């Protein structure tokens, strides 16, 4: 897993029962997400090809790999996270209305619960799902998640908020602002609708992967500690 960090910010302590409504900070104003051809406001963003992800104070940007390919990007703040994926969409119709129904069906099939609710980006899905495997430090049972969706020009951006931010608006606000500041680069090449847009790795991430491969090769001959943590890309500002 590759990480990039900006700053070190303490998360606000929780107060009251989870799920209680709270006033959102005026500091966070929803305007995006953006298409690369929009008049995009300036921000410090990491270029992941199809997604330009803002580097927010107190957040880590992580890239998760599957089958040796970047599969999704997660922005982590404290115990909460925002998972990001972009997909190709038809020229005319958006995907979010159908995807919401599919999410609800999958949640129900897995024994969870879901309902639609209004959010800062329109209709979203609030669900309680069982994690695929136990999460250390987390209670057993169903965990809350929020599914966000935005239809853009020939693209669809999905966000999944998990952790305390799924229930607490004041904790979710910084992650919502990150989602709003994301820039989607669809490209002109043909991509079948619903296929995930290709995530690229910045130069520093490619170097980290090369270093990791070299370290693994050295480990075969006892050159390094096999229990040492893998490489992390960290930026502190």
Protein backbone atom coordinates (compact mmCIF):
# COMPACT_ATOMS: atom_id res chain seq x y z
CA UNK A 1 0.00 0.00 0.00
CA UNK A 2 1.36 3.41 -0.98
CA UNK A 3 0.68 6.47 1.13
CA UNK A 4 1.12 10.19 0.89
CA UNK A 5 0.44 12.38 3.89
CA UNK A 6 -0.13 16.06 4.41
CA UNK A 7 0.19 17.48 7.88
CA UNK A 8 -0.81 15.98 11.17
CA UNK A 9 -4.25 16.99 12.35
CA UNK A 10 -6.21 15.74 15.32
CA UNK A 11 -9.73 14.56 14.57
CA UNK A 12 -12.47 16.26 16.52
CA UNK A 13 -13.67 14.17 19.48
CA UNK A 14 -17.08 12.60 19.14
CA UNK A 15 -19.87 13.78 21.37
CA UNK A 16 -23.34 12.40 21.96
CA UNK A 17 -24.87 9.35 20.30
CA UNK A 18 -23.59 8.24 16.90
CA UNK A 19 -25.86 9.36 14.12
CA UNK A 20 -27.05 12.53 15.78
CA UNK A 21 -27.26 15.46 13.40
CA UNK A 22 -24.53 18.05 13.74
CA UNK A 23 -23.86 21.40 12.22
CA UNK A 24 -21.43 21.20 9.30
CA UNK A 25 -18.57 23.65 9.22
CA UNK A 26 -18.88 26.58 6.80
CA UNK A 27 -15.26 25.91 5.91
CA UNK A 28 -16.32 23.02 3.68
CA UNK A 29 -18.31 24.09 0.64
CA UNK A 30 -19.45 21.55 -1.95
CA UNK A 31 -18.83 22.62 -5.56
CA UNK A 32 -17.45 19.58 -7.44
CA UNK A 33 -16.38 16.93 -8.27
CA UNK A 34 -14.87 18.39 -11.43
CA UNK A 35 -14.32 17.32 -15.00
CA UNK A 36 -10.84 18.09 -16.26
CA UNK A 37 -12.39 20.41 -18.87
CA UNK A 38 -14.16 22.51 -16.22
CA UNK A 39 -12.78 25.75 -14.84
CA UNK A 40 -11.18 23.79 -12.01
CA UNK A 41 -10.08 25.75 -8.92
CA UNK A 42 -6.42 25.48 -8.02
CA UNK A 43 -5.50 22.93 -5.34
CA UNK A 44 -2.65 20.64 -4.41
CA UNK A 45 -3.63 17.35 -6.09
CA UNK A 46 -1.89 14.05 -6.80
CA UNK A 47 -2.15 12.94 -10.43
CA UNK A 48 -3.39 9.36 -10.59
CA UNK A 49 -4.29 9.46 -14.27
CA UNK A 50 -8.07 9.29 -14.31
CA UNK A 51 -8.28 10.91 -10.87
CA UNK A 52 -6.54 14.00 -9.55
CA UNK A 53 -6.97 13.66 -5.80
CA UNK A 54 -6.52 16.66 -3.47
CA UNK A 55 -4.02 16.45 -0.62
CA UNK A 56 -5.98 17.66 2.40
CA UNK A 57 -4.69 18.65 5.82
CA UNK A 58 -4.62 15.69 8.21
CA UNK A 59 -5.28 13.12 5.47
CA UNK A 60 -3.30 10.27 3.92
CA UNK A 61 -3.81 9.28 0.29
CA UNK A 62 -3.39 5.54 -0.21
CA UNK A 63 -3.33 3.43 -3.37
CA UNK A 64 -4.52 -0.17 -3.07
CA UNK A 65 -3.36 -2.78 -5.56
CA UNK A 66 -5.22 -5.81 -6.94
CA UNK A 67 -3.71 -8.24 -9.43
CA UNK A 68 -0.61 -6.01 -9.60
CA UNK A 69 -2.72 -3.08 -10.79
CA UNK A 70 -3.95 0.04 -8.94
CA UNK A 71 -7.55 -0.78 -8.01
CA UNK A 72 -8.79 2.14 -5.92
CA UNK A 73 -7.66 5.19 -4.00
CA UNK A 74 -8.51 5.79 -0.36
CA UNK A 75 -8.22 9.06 1.52
CA UNK A 76 -7.82 8.31 5.24
CA UNK A 77 -8.46 10.79 8.02
CA UNK A 78 -8.24 9.43 11.53
CA UNK A 79 -10.40 6.31 11.78
CA UNK A 80 -12.48 7.25 8.72
CA UNK A 81 -11.87 6.74 5.04
CA UNK A 82 -13.11 7.79 1.60
CA UNK A 83 -12.65 5.24 -1.17
CA UNK A 84 -12.59 6.62 -4.73
CA UNK A 85 -13.18 4.90 -8.07
CA UNK A 86 -14.05 6.37 -11.48
CA UNK A 87 -15.89 4.50 -14.24
CA UNK A 88 -16.73 5.11 -17.87
CA UNK A 89 -20.36 6.05 -18.54
CA UNK A 90 -22.60 6.39 -21.63
CA UNK A 91 -22.75 9.71 -23.45
CA UNK A 92 -26.42 10.21 -22.64
CA UNK A 93 -27.54 8.45 -19.45
CA UNK A 94 -25.79 8.45 -16.10
CA UNK A 95 -25.11 5.36 -14.01
CA UNK A 96 -25.85 6.42 -10.44
CA UNK A 97 -29.60 5.68 -10.46
CA UNK A 98 -28.99 2.07 -11.54
CA UNK A 99 -25.91 1.65 -9.35
CA UNK A 100 -27.87 2.69 -6.25
CA UNK A 101 -30.35 -0.13 -6.86
CA UNK A 102 -27.52 -2.59 -7.40
CA UNK A 103 -25.83 -1.51 -4.16
CA UNK A 104 -29.08 -1.97 -2.23
CA UNK A 105 -29.53 -5.45 -3.72
CA UNK A 106 -25.96 -6.48 -2.88
CA UNK A 107 -26.23 -5.14 0.66
CA UNK A 108 -29.46 -7.04 1.25
CA UNK A 109 -27.97 -10.21 -0.25
CA UNK A 110 -25.07 -9.96 2.21
CA UNK A 111 -27.45 -9.59 5.15
CA UNK A 112 -27.06 -5.83 5.55
CA UNK A 113 -29.43 -2.89 5.49
CA UNK A 114 -29.60 0.18 3.28
CA UNK A 115 -31.72 3.21 2.50
CA UNK A 116 -31.47 6.22 0.22
CA UNK A 117 -30.96 9.66 1.71
CA UNK A 118 -30.25 13.19 0.54
CA UNK A 119 -26.64 14.30 0.85
CA UNK A 120 -24.40 17.17 -0.27
CA UNK A 121 -23.98 15.54 -3.71
CA UNK A 122 -27.61 14.51 -4.18
CA UNK A 123 -29.10 11.12 -3.42
CA UNK A 124 -26.74 8.70 -1.68
CA UNK A 125 -27.04 5.27 -0.10
CA UNK A 126 -26.64 4.78 3.64
CA UNK A 127 -25.91 1.16 4.48
CA UNK A 128 -24.89 -1.11 7.30
CA UNK A 129 -22.79 -4.00 6.08
CA UNK A 130 -20.71 -6.81 7.53
CA UNK A 131 -17.01 -6.46 6.70
CA UNK A 132 -15.53 -9.31 4.61
CA UNK A 133 -13.21 -10.11 7.53
CA UNK A 134 -12.91 -8.93 11.15
CA UNK A 135 -11.35 -5.50 11.55
CA UNK A 136 -8.94 -5.22 14.51
CA UNK A 137 -10.25 -2.81 17.12
CA UNK A 138 -13.73 -2.63 15.57
CA UNK A 139 -16.81 -4.20 17.17
CA UNK A 140 -18.42 -7.15 15.40
CA UNK A 141 -21.71 -6.77 13.56
CA UNK A 142 -22.84 -4.41 10.84
CA UNK A 143 -20.70 -1.34 10.12
CA UNK A 144 -22.08 1.91 8.65
CA UNK A 145 -20.98 3.12 5.22
CA UNK A 146 -22.14 5.90 2.89
CA UNK A 147 -22.10 5.44 -0.88
CA UNK A 148 -21.75 8.68 -2.85
CA UNK A 149 -22.20 8.96 -6.60
CA UNK A 150 -21.82 11.70 -9.19
CA UNK A 151 -22.52 11.42 -12.92
CA UNK A 152 -20.20 13.51 -15.09
CA UNK A 153 -19.64 13.82 -18.85
CA UNK A 154 -19.06 10.19 -19.89
CA UNK A 155 -17.83 9.26 -16.40
CA UNK A 156 -19.21 8.19 -13.05
CA UNK A 157 -17.41 8.83 -9.76
CA UNK A 158 -18.18 6.65 -6.75
CA UNK A 159 -17.13 7.41 -3.21
CA UNK A 160 -17.53 5.21 -0.14
CA UNK A 161 -17.23 6.80 3.29
CA UNK A 162 -16.55 4.42 6.16
CA UNK A 163 -15.73 4.66 9.85
CA UNK A 164 -17.14 7.31 12.24
CA UNK A 165 -17.58 9.72 9.29
CA UNK A 166 -20.35 7.48 7.96
CA UNK A 167 -22.48 8.56 10.93
CA UNK A 168 -21.08 11.92 12.04
CA UNK A 169 -21.55 14.86 9.64
CA UNK A 170 -18.90 16.99 11.34
CA UNK A 171 -16.30 14.24 10.85
CA UNK A 172 -17.49 13.54 7.30
CA UNK A 173 -17.18 17.19 6.20
CA UNK A 174 -13.42 17.12 5.42
CA UNK A 175 -13.81 13.91 3.41
CA UNK A 176 -16.80 15.35 1.58
CA UNK A 177 -14.66 18.35 0.67
CA UNK A 178 -11.99 16.01 -0.72
CA UNK A 179 -14.65 14.29 -2.82
CA UNK A 180 -15.84 17.68 -4.05
CA UNK A 181 -12.29 18.68 -5.05
CA UNK A 182 -11.55 15.54 -7.07
CA UNK A 183 -10.91 16.09 -10.79
CA UNK A 184 -11.91 13.27 -13.17
CA UNK A 185 -9.96 12.79 -16.41
CA UNK A 186 -12.11 10.64 -18.72
CA UNK A 187 -9.89 10.84 -21.80
CA UNK A 188 -11.02 10.51 -25.41
CA UNK A 189 -10.20 6.83 -25.88
CA UNK A 190 -13.12 4.37 -26.01
CA UNK A 191 -13.93 2.60 -22.76
CA UNK A 192 -17.00 0.37 -22.33
CA UNK A 193 -19.57 1.83 -19.93
CA UNK A 194 -19.11 0.61 -16.34
CA UNK A 195 -15.46 -0.27 -16.89
CA UNK A 196 -13.17 1.32 -14.31
CA UNK A 197 -11.04 4.13 -15.67
CA UNK A 198 -7.33 3.41 -15.47
CA UNK A 199 -5.53 4.62 -12.37
CA UNK A 200 -1.95 5.68 -12.97
CA UNK A 201 0.81 5.96 -10.41
CA UNK A 202 2.93 9.10 -9.97
CA UNK A 203 6.69 8.80 -10.33
CA UNK A 204 7.28 8.51 -6.58
CA UNK A 205 4.88 5.58 -6.34
CA UNK A 206 6.52 3.78 -9.26
CA UNK A 207 9.89 4.22 -7.57
CA UNK A 208 8.49 2.81 -4.33
CA UNK A 209 7.22 -0.27 -6.18
CA UNK A 210 10.63 -0.73 -7.79
CA UNK A 211 12.30 -0.43 -4.39
CA UNK A 212 9.84 -2.93 -2.92
CA UNK A 213 10.57 -5.44 -5.71
CA UNK A 214 14.30 -5.01 -5.12
CA UNK A 215 13.84 -5.47 -1.37
CA UNK A 216 11.84 -8.65 -1.94
CA UNK A 217 14.60 -10.00 -4.13
CA UNK A 218 17.17 -9.25 -1.42
CA UNK A 219 14.94 -10.91 1.17
CA UNK A 220 15.29 -14.18 -0.72
CA UNK A 221 18.95 -14.18 0.29
CA UNK A 222 18.49 -12.95 3.82
CA UNK A 223 19.52 -9.37 3.11
CA UNK A 224 16.59 -7.69 4.90
CA UNK A 225 14.16 -8.41 7.70
CA UNK A 226 11.18 -10.24 6.09
CA UNK A 227 8.87 -8.87 8.79
CA UNK A 228 9.71 -5.23 8.07
CA UNK A 229 6.80 -3.04 6.93
CA UNK A 230 6.48 -2.39 3.24
CA UNK A 231 7.29 1.00 1.66
CA UNK A 232 5.14 4.04 2.30
CA UNK A 233 5.14 7.28 0.35
CA UNK A 234 4.67 10.05 2.86
CA UNK A 235 4.53 13.79 2.30
CA UNK A 236 4.43 16.07 5.35
CA UNK A 237 3.61 19.75 5.06
